Each structure stands twice: as C-alpha cells, then as structure tokens.
ModelCIF file with pLDDT and N, C-alpha, C, O atoms, coordinates in Angstrom:
data_MODEL
#
_entry.id   MODEL 
#
_entity.id                         1 
_entity.type                       polymer 
_entity.pdbx_number_of_molecules   1 
#
_entity_poly.entity_id                      1 
_entity_poly.type                           'polypeptide(L)' 
_entity_poly.nstd_linkage                   no 
_entity_poly.nstd_monomer                   no 
_entity_poly.pdbx_seq_one_letter_code       VSVVSGHIRGATNTLPLHVEVLYNDYESVGAFAAA 
_entity_poly.pdbx_seq_one_letter_code_can   VSVVSGHIRGATNTLPLHVEVLYNDYESVGAFAAA 
_entity_poly.pdbx_strand_id                 A 
#
loop_
_entity_poly_seq.entity_id 
_entity_poly_seq.num 
_entity_poly_seq.mon_id 
_entity_poly_seq.hetero 
1 1  VAL n 
1 2  SER n 
1 3  VAL n 
1 4  VAL n 
1 5  SER n 
1 6  GLY n 
1 7  HIS n 
1 8  ILE n 
1 9  ARG n 
1 10 GLY n 
1 11 ALA n 
1 12 THR n 
1 13 ASN n 
1 14 THR n 
1 15 LEU n 
1 16 PRO n 
1 17 LEU n 
1 18 HIS n 
1 19 VAL n 
1 20 GLU n 
1 21 VAL n 
1 22 LEU n 
1 23 TYR n 
1 24 ASN n 
1 25 ASP n 
1 26 TYR n 
1 27 GLU n 
1 28 SER n 
1 29 VAL n 
1 30 GLY n 
1 31 ALA n 
1 32 PHE n 
1 33 ALA n 
1 34 ALA n 
1 35 ALA n 
#
_struct_asym.id          A 
_struct_asym.entity_id   1 
#
loop_
_ma_qa_metric.id 
_ma_qa_metric.mode 
_ma_qa_metric.name 
_ma_qa_metric.software_group_id 
_ma_qa_metric.type 
1 global pLDDT . pLDDT 
2 local  pLDDT . pLDDT 
#
_ma_qa_metric_global.metric_id      1 
_ma_qa_metric_global.metric_value   91.29 
_ma_qa_metric_global.model_id       1 
_ma_qa_metric_global.ordinal_id     1 
#
loop_
_ma_qa_metric_local.label_asym_id 
_ma_qa_metric_local.label_comp_id 
_ma_qa_metric_local.label_seq_id 
_ma_qa_metric_local.metric_id 
_ma_qa_metric_local.metric_value 
_ma_qa_metric_local.model_id 
_ma_qa_metric_local.ordinal_id 
A VAL 1  2 94.00 1 1  
A SER 2  2 93.00 1 2  
A VAL 3  2 94.00 1 3  
A VAL 4  2 94.00 1 4  
A SER 5  2 93.00 1 5  
A GLY 6  2 88.00 1 6  
A HIS 7  2 87.00 1 7  
A ILE 8  2 88.00 1 8  
A ARG 9  2 87.00 1 9  
A GLY 10 2 86.00 1 10 
A ALA 11 2 89.00 1 11 
A THR 12 2 92.00 1 12 
A ASN 13 2 94.00 1 13 
A THR 14 2 94.00 1 14 
A LEU 15 2 94.00 1 15 
A PRO 16 2 94.00 1 16 
A LEU 17 2 95.00 1 17 
A HIS 18 2 94.00 1 18 
A VAL 19 2 93.00 1 19 
A GLU 20 2 93.00 1 20 
A VAL 21 2 92.00 1 21 
A LEU 22 2 92.00 1 22 
A TYR 23 2 90.00 1 23 
A ASN 24 2 91.00 1 24 
A ASP 25 2 90.00 1 25 
A TYR 26 2 88.00 1 26 
A GLU 27 2 89.00 1 27 
A SER 28 2 88.00 1 28 
A VAL 29 2 87.00 1 29 
A GLY 30 2 90.00 1 30 
A ALA 31 2 92.00 1 31 
A PHE 32 2 93.00 1 32 
A ALA 33 2 92.00 1 33 
A ALA 34 2 92.00 1 34 
A ALA 35 2 93.00 1 35 
#
loop_
_atom_site.group_PDB 
_atom_site.id 
_atom_site.type_symbol 
_atom_site.label_atom_id 
_atom_site.label_alt_id 
_atom_site.label_comp_id 
_atom_site.label_asym_id 
_atom_site.label_entity_id 
_atom_site.label_seq_id 
_atom_site.pdbx_PDB_ins_code 
_atom_site.Cartn_x 
_atom_site.Cartn_y 
_atom_site.Cartn_z 
_atom_site.occupancy 
_atom_site.B_iso_or_equiv 
_atom_site.pdbx_formal_charge 
_atom_site.auth_seq_id 
_atom_site.auth_comp_id 
_atom_site.auth_asym_id 
_atom_site.auth_atom_id 
_atom_site.pdbx_PDB_model_num 
ATOM 1   N N  . VAL A 1 1  ? 0.822  -1.209 0.000  1.00 94.00 ? 1  VAL A N  1 
ATOM 2   C CA . VAL A 1 1  ? 0.000  0.000  0.000  1.00 94.00 ? 1  VAL A CA 1 
ATOM 3   C C  . VAL A 1 1  ? 0.855  1.258  0.000  1.00 94.00 ? 1  VAL A C  1 
ATOM 4   O O  . VAL A 1 1  ? 0.411  2.308  -0.464 1.00 94.00 ? 1  VAL A O  1 
ATOM 5   N N  . SER A 1 2  ? 2.080  1.163  0.517  1.00 93.00 ? 2  SER A N  1 
ATOM 6   C CA . SER A 1 2  ? 2.969  2.320  0.506  1.00 93.00 ? 2  SER A CA 1 
ATOM 7   C C  . SER A 1 2  ? 3.302  2.739  -0.922 1.00 93.00 ? 2  SER A C  1 
ATOM 8   O O  . SER A 1 2  ? 3.426  3.929  -1.212 1.00 93.00 ? 2  SER A O  1 
ATOM 9   N N  . VAL A 1 3  ? 3.446  1.770  -1.803 1.00 94.00 ? 3  VAL A N  1 
ATOM 10  C CA . VAL A 1 3  ? 3.801  2.066  -3.196 1.00 94.00 ? 3  VAL A CA 1 
ATOM 11  C C  . VAL A 1 3  ? 2.654  2.768  -3.916 1.00 94.00 ? 3  VAL A C  1 
ATOM 12  O O  . VAL A 1 3  ? 2.890  3.679  -4.710 1.00 94.00 ? 3  VAL A O  1 
ATOM 13  N N  . VAL A 1 4  ? 1.419  2.356  -3.650 1.00 94.00 ? 4  VAL A N  1 
ATOM 14  C CA . VAL A 1 4  ? 0.278  2.865  -4.428 1.00 94.00 ? 4  VAL A CA 1 
ATOM 15  C C  . VAL A 1 4  ? -0.465 4.003  -3.731 1.00 94.00 ? 4  VAL A C  1 
ATOM 16  O O  . VAL A 1 4  ? -1.383 4.575  -4.318 1.00 94.00 ? 4  VAL A O  1 
ATOM 17  N N  . SER A 1 5  ? -0.098 4.343  -2.505 1.00 93.00 ? 5  SER A N  1 
ATOM 18  C CA . SER A 1 5  ? -0.899 5.314  -1.750 1.00 93.00 ? 5  SER A CA 1 
ATOM 19  C C  . SER A 1 5  ? -0.577 6.765  -2.068 1.00 93.00 ? 5  SER A C  1 
ATOM 20  O O  . SER A 1 5  ? -1.466 7.616  -2.059 1.00 93.00 ? 5  SER A O  1 
ATOM 21  N N  . GLY A 1 6  ? 0.704  7.054  -2.352 1.00 88.00 ? 6  GLY A N  1 
ATOM 22  C CA . GLY A 1 6  ? 1.109  8.439  -2.530 1.00 88.00 ? 6  GLY A CA 1 
ATOM 23  C C  . GLY A 1 6  ? 1.342  9.170  -1.223 1.00 88.00 ? 6  GLY A C  1 
ATOM 24  O O  . GLY A 1 6  ? 1.750  10.331 -1.236 1.00 88.00 ? 6  GLY A O  1 
ATOM 25  N N  . HIS A 1 7  ? 1.091  8.515  -0.084 1.00 87.00 ? 7  HIS A N  1 
ATOM 26  C CA . HIS A 1 7  ? 1.328  9.089  1.248  1.00 87.00 ? 7  HIS A CA 1 
ATOM 27  C C  . HIS A 1 7  ? 0.633  10.442 1.417  1.00 87.00 ? 7  HIS A C  1 
ATOM 28  O O  . HIS A 1 7  ? 1.237  11.398 1.904  1.00 87.00 ? 7  HIS A O  1 
ATOM 29  N N  . ILE A 1 8  ? -0.619 10.517 1.019  1.00 88.00 ? 8  ILE A N  1 
ATOM 30  C CA . ILE A 1 8  ? -1.392 11.751 1.170  1.00 88.00 ? 8  ILE A CA 1 
ATOM 31  C C  . ILE A 1 8  ? -2.069 11.718 2.539  1.00 88.00 ? 8  ILE A C  1 
ATOM 32  O O  . ILE A 1 8  ? -2.987 10.928 2.763  1.00 88.00 ? 8  ILE A O  1 
ATOM 33  N N  . ARG A 1 9  ? -1.620 12.566 3.441  1.00 87.00 ? 9  ARG A N  1 
ATOM 34  C CA . ARG A 1 9  ? -2.146 12.544 4.809  1.00 87.00 ? 9  ARG A CA 1 
ATOM 35  C C  . ARG A 1 9  ? -3.627 12.896 4.819  1.00 87.00 ? 9  ARG A C  1 
ATOM 36  O O  . ARG A 1 9  ? -4.064 13.857 4.185  1.00 87.00 ? 9  ARG A O  1 
ATOM 37  N N  . GLY A 1 10 ? -4.376 12.103 5.547  1.00 86.00 ? 10 GLY A N  1 
ATOM 38  C CA . GLY A 1 10 ? -5.807 12.325 5.652  1.00 86.00 ? 10 GLY A CA 1 
ATOM 39  C C  . GLY A 1 10 ? -6.596 11.819 4.465  1.00 86.00 ? 10 GLY A C  1 
ATOM 40  O O  . GLY A 1 10 ? -7.820 11.942 4.444  1.00 86.00 ? 10 GLY A O  1 
ATOM 41  N N  . ALA A 1 11 ? -5.916 11.244 3.463  1.00 89.00 ? 11 ALA A N  1 
ATOM 42  C CA . ALA A 1 11 ? -6.625 10.798 2.262  1.00 89.00 ? 11 ALA A CA 1 
ATOM 43  C C  . ALA A 1 11 ? -6.279 9.364  1.881  1.00 89.00 ? 11 ALA A C  1 
ATOM 44  O O  . ALA A 1 11 ? -7.175 8.535  1.726  1.00 89.00 ? 11 ALA A O  1 
ATOM 45  N N  . THR A 1 12 ? -4.976 9.057  1.725  1.00 92.00 ? 12 THR A N  1 
ATOM 46  C CA . THR A 1 12 ? -4.586 7.713  1.271  1.00 92.00 ? 12 THR A CA 1 
ATOM 47  C C  . THR A 1 12 ? -3.641 7.015  2.241  1.00 92.00 ? 12 THR A C  1 
ATOM 48  O O  . THR A 1 12 ? -3.105 5.957  1.912  1.00 92.00 ? 12 THR A O  1 
ATOM 49  N N  . ASN A 1 13 ? -3.426 7.563  3.397  1.00 94.00 ? 13 ASN A N  1 
ATOM 50  C CA . ASN A 1 13 ? -2.573 6.913  4.388  1.00 94.00 ? 13 ASN A CA 1 
ATOM 51  C C  . ASN A 1 13 ? -3.393 5.956  5.243  1.00 94.00 ? 13 ASN A C  1 
ATOM 52  O O  . ASN A 1 13 ? -4.317 6.370  5.943  1.00 94.00 ? 13 ASN A O  1 
ATOM 53  N N  . THR A 1 14 ? -3.052 4.681  5.181  1.00 94.00 ? 14 THR A N  1 
ATOM 54  C CA . THR A 1 14 ? -3.641 3.726  6.108  1.00 94.00 ? 14 THR A CA 1 
ATOM 55  C C  . THR A 1 14 ? -2.918 3.838  7.451  1.00 94.00 ? 14 THR A C  1 
ATOM 56  O O  . THR A 1 14 ? -1.974 4.617  7.585  1.00 94.00 ? 14 THR A O  1 
ATOM 57  N N  . LEU A 1 15 ? -3.352 3.072  8.431  1.00 94.00 ? 15 LEU A N  1 
ATOM 58  C CA . LEU A 1 15 ? -2.779 3.188  9.776  1.00 94.00 ? 15 LEU A CA 1 
ATOM 59  C C  . LEU A 1 15 ? -1.278 2.861  9.804  1.00 94.00 ? 15 LEU A C  1 
ATOM 60  O O  . LEU A 1 15 ? -0.530 3.596  10.447 1.00 94.00 ? 15 LEU A O  1 
ATOM 61  N N  . PRO A 1 16 ? -0.801 1.800  9.143  1.00 94.00 ? 16 PRO A N  1 
ATOM 62  C CA . PRO A 1 16 ? 0.649  1.568  9.133  1.00 94.00 ? 16 PRO A CA 1 
ATOM 63  C C  . PRO A 1 16 ? 1.429  2.721  8.492  1.00 94.00 ? 16 PRO A C  1 
ATOM 64  O O  . PRO A 1 16 ? 2.508  3.071  8.969  1.00 94.00 ? 16 PRO A O  1 
ATOM 65  N N  . LEU A 1 17 ? 0.900  3.309  7.428  1.00 95.00 ? 17 LEU A N  1 
ATOM 66  C CA . LEU A 1 17 ? 1.575  4.441  6.791  1.00 95.00 ? 17 LEU A CA 1 
ATOM 67  C C  . LEU A 1 17 ? 1.530  5.671  7.692  1.00 95.00 ? 17 LEU A C  1 
ATOM 68  O O  . LEU A 1 17 ? 2.470  6.466  7.716  1.00 95.00 ? 17 LEU A O  1 
ATOM 69  N N  . HIS A 1 18 ? 0.439  5.821  8.429  1.00 94.00 ? 18 HIS A N  1 
ATOM 70  C CA . HIS A 1 18 ? 0.324  6.938  9.367  1.00 94.00 ? 18 HIS A CA 1 
ATOM 71  C C  . HIS A 1 18 ? 1.391  6.835  10.457 1.00 94.00 ? 18 HIS A C  1 
ATOM 72  O O  . HIS A 1 18 ? 1.953  7.847  10.875 1.00 94.00 ? 18 HIS A O  1 
ATOM 73  N N  . VAL A 1 19 ? 1.669  5.614  10.915 1.00 93.00 ? 19 VAL A N  1 
ATOM 74  C CA . VAL A 1 19 ? 2.718  5.411  11.908 1.00 93.00 ? 19 VAL A CA 1 
ATOM 75  C C  . VAL A 1 19 ? 4.063  5.866  11.357 1.00 93.00 ? 19 VAL A C  1 
ATOM 76  O O  . VAL A 1 19 ? 4.823  6.543  12.048 1.00 93.00 ? 19 VAL A O  1 
ATOM 77  N N  . GLU A 1 20 ? 4.356  5.496  10.116 1.00 93.00 ? 20 GLU A N  1 
ATOM 78  C CA . GLU A 1 20 ? 5.641  5.886  9.513  1.00 93.00 ? 20 GLU A CA 1 
ATOM 79  C C  . GLU A 1 20 ? 5.760  7.402  9.388  1.00 93.00 ? 20 GLU A C  1 
ATOM 80  O O  . GLU A 1 20 ? 6.805  7.973  9.701  1.00 93.00 ? 20 GLU A O  1 
ATOM 81  N N  . VAL A 1 21 ? 4.697  8.050  8.934  1.00 92.00 ? 21 VAL A N  1 
ATOM 82  C CA . VAL A 1 21 ? 4.728  9.497  8.753  1.00 92.00 ? 21 VAL A CA 1 
ATOM 83  C C  . VAL A 1 21 ? 4.985  10.204 10.086 1.00 92.00 ? 21 VAL A C  1 
ATOM 84  O O  . VAL A 1 21 ? 5.823  11.102 10.166 1.00 92.00 ? 21 VAL A O  1 
ATOM 85  N N  . LEU A 1 22 ? 4.271  9.800  11.114 1.00 92.00 ? 22 LEU A N  1 
ATOM 86  C CA . LEU A 1 22 ? 4.447  10.424 12.424 1.00 92.00 ? 22 LEU A CA 1 
ATOM 87  C C  . LEU A 1 22 ? 5.839  10.164 12.987 1.00 92.00 ? 22 LEU A C  1 
ATOM 88  O O  . LEU A 1 22 ? 6.451  11.061 13.567 1.00 92.00 ? 22 LEU A O  1 
ATOM 89  N N  . TYR A 1 23 ? 6.333  8.964  12.824 1.00 90.00 ? 23 TYR A N  1 
ATOM 90  C CA . TYR A 1 23 ? 7.661  8.644  13.350 1.00 90.00 ? 23 TYR A CA 1 
ATOM 91  C C  . TYR A 1 23 ? 8.738  9.449  12.629 1.00 90.00 ? 23 TYR A C  1 
ATOM 92  O O  . TYR A 1 23 ? 9.682  9.932  13.255 1.00 90.00 ? 23 TYR A O  1 
ATOM 93  N N  . ASN A 1 24 ? 8.595  9.595  11.303 1.00 91.00 ? 24 ASN A N  1 
ATOM 94  C CA . ASN A 1 24 ? 9.573  10.393 10.548 1.00 91.00 ? 24 ASN A CA 1 
ATOM 95  C C  . ASN A 1 24 ? 9.496  11.868 10.907 1.00 91.00 ? 24 ASN A C  1 
ATOM 96  O O  . ASN A 1 24 ? 10.476 12.599 10.763 1.00 91.00 ? 24 ASN A O  1 
ATOM 97  N N  . ASP A 1 25 ? 8.324  12.308 11.378 1.00 90.00 ? 25 ASP A N  1 
ATOM 98  C CA . ASP A 1 25 ? 8.166  13.703 11.807 1.00 90.00 ? 25 ASP A CA 1 
ATOM 99  C C  . ASP A 1 25 ? 8.487  13.894 13.290 1.00 90.00 ? 25 ASP A C  1 
ATOM 100 O O  . ASP A 1 25 ? 8.221  14.954 13.857 1.00 90.00 ? 25 ASP A O  1 
ATOM 101 N N  . TYR A 1 26 ? 9.061  12.859 13.915 1.00 88.00 ? 26 TYR A N  1 
ATOM 102 C CA . TYR A 1 26 ? 9.454  12.900 15.333 1.00 88.00 ? 26 TYR A CA 1 
ATOM 103 C C  . TYR A 1 26 ? 8.262  13.115 16.267 1.00 88.00 ? 26 TYR A C  1 
ATOM 104 O O  . TYR A 1 26 ? 8.416  13.643 17.368 1.00 88.00 ? 26 TYR A O  1 
ATOM 105 N N  . GLU A 1 27 ? 7.075  12.704 15.821 1.00 89.00 ? 27 GLU A N  1 
ATOM 106 C CA . GLU A 1 27 ? 5.894  12.736 16.680 1.00 89.00 ? 27 GLU A CA 1 
ATOM 107 C C  . GLU A 1 27 ? 5.736  11.351 17.308 1.00 89.00 ? 27 GLU A C  1 
ATOM 108 O O  . GLU A 1 27 ? 4.863  10.574 16.921 1.00 89.00 ? 27 GLU A O  1 
ATOM 109 N N  . SER A 1 28 ? 6.593  11.060 18.278 1.00 88.00 ? 28 SER A N  1 
ATOM 110 C CA . SER A 1 28 ? 6.699  9.695  18.798 1.00 88.00 ? 28 SER A CA 1 
ATOM 111 C C  . SER A 1 28 ? 5.436  9.239  19.525 1.00 88.00 ? 28 SER A C  1 
ATOM 112 O O  . SER A 1 28 ? 5.046  8.075  19.426 1.00 88.00 ? 28 SER A O  1 
ATOM 113 N N  . VAL A 1 29 ? 4.797  10.154 20.255 1.00 87.00 ? 29 VAL A N  1 
ATOM 114 C CA . VAL A 1 29 ? 3.593  9.765  20.988 1.00 87.00 ? 29 VAL A CA 1 
ATOM 115 C C  . VAL A 1 29 ? 2.506  9.319  20.023 1.00 87.00 ? 29 VAL A C  1 
ATOM 116 O O  . VAL A 1 29 ? 1.898  8.266  20.213 1.00 87.00 ? 29 VAL A O  1 
ATOM 117 N N  . GLY A 1 30 ? 2.259  10.114 18.992 1.00 90.00 ? 30 GLY A N  1 
ATOM 118 C CA . GLY A 1 30 ? 1.253  9.745  18.005 1.00 90.00 ? 30 GLY A CA 1 
ATOM 119 C C  . GLY A 1 30 ? 1.616  8.484  17.259 1.00 90.00 ? 30 GLY A C  1 
ATOM 120 O O  . GLY A 1 30 ? 0.751  7.650  16.992 1.00 90.00 ? 30 GLY A O  1 
ATOM 121 N N  . ALA A 1 31 ? 2.907  8.328  16.912 1.00 92.00 ? 31 ALA A N  1 
ATOM 122 C CA . ALA A 1 31 ? 3.349  7.143  16.185 1.00 92.00 ? 31 ALA A CA 1 
ATOM 123 C C  . ALA A 1 31 ? 3.139  5.890  17.014 1.00 92.00 ? 31 ALA A C  1 
ATOM 124 O O  . ALA A 1 31 ? 2.609  4.895  16.518 1.00 92.00 ? 31 ALA A O  1 
ATOM 125 N N  . PHE A 1 32 ? 3.554  5.933  18.284 1.00 93.00 ? 32 PHE A N  1 
ATOM 126 C CA . PHE A 1 32 ? 3.401  4.745  19.126 1.00 93.00 ? 32 PHE A CA 1 
ATOM 127 C C  . PHE A 1 32 ? 1.943  4.513  19.527 1.00 93.00 ? 32 PHE A C  1 
ATOM 128 O O  . PHE A 1 32 ? 1.538  3.378  19.774 1.00 93.00 ? 32 PHE A O  1 
ATOM 129 N N  . ALA A 1 33 ? 1.161  5.585  19.589 1.00 92.00 ? 33 ALA A N  1 
ATOM 130 C CA . ALA A 1 33 ? -0.267 5.404  19.859 1.00 92.00 ? 33 ALA A CA 1 
ATOM 131 C C  . ALA A 1 33 ? -0.932 4.638  18.722 1.00 92.00 ? 33 ALA A C  1 
ATOM 132 O O  . ALA A 1 33 ? -1.696 3.703  18.960 1.00 92.00 ? 33 ALA A O  1 
ATOM 133 N N  . ALA A 1 34 ? -0.639 5.039  17.479 1.00 92.00 ? 34 ALA A N  1 
ATOM 134 C CA . ALA A 1 34 ? -1.192 4.330  16.323 1.00 92.00 ? 34 ALA A CA 1 
ATOM 135 C C  . ALA A 1 34 ? -0.641 2.909  16.256 1.00 92.00 ? 34 ALA A C  1 
ATOM 136 O O  . ALA A 1 34 ? -1.367 1.973  15.920 1.00 92.00 ? 34 ALA A O  1 
ATOM 137 N N  . ALA A 1 35 ? 0.649  2.750  16.576 1.00 93.00 ? 35 ALA A N  1 
ATOM 138 C CA . ALA A 1 35 ? 1.242  1.411  16.565 1.00 93.00 ? 35 ALA A CA 1 
ATOM 139 C C  . ALA A 1 35 ? 0.609  0.521  17.631 1.00 93.00 ? 35 ALA A C  1 
ATOM 140 O O  . ALA A 1 35 ? 0.985  -0.643 17.767 1.00 93.00 ? 35 ALA A O  1 
#
C-alpha cells in the first residue's frame, strides 16, 4: 500500500503508513499510539 498510496495525509494513508509518517516527523507519541 505504501507504493500505491502516494502518502497523502488524511486521504490515502492507512494506519501503518500513518505510523511511519508520524515517526519520521518525530511525533513519537502519536506514532506509538497508532502502533
């Protein structure tokens, strides 16, 4: 899904992709909450 999603926040990001986005943005609480 990462390949076909385009990583559009709020539109094509599934929960695993949302975890990656938050972790890369150093939003650890949100990333681990979703994880």
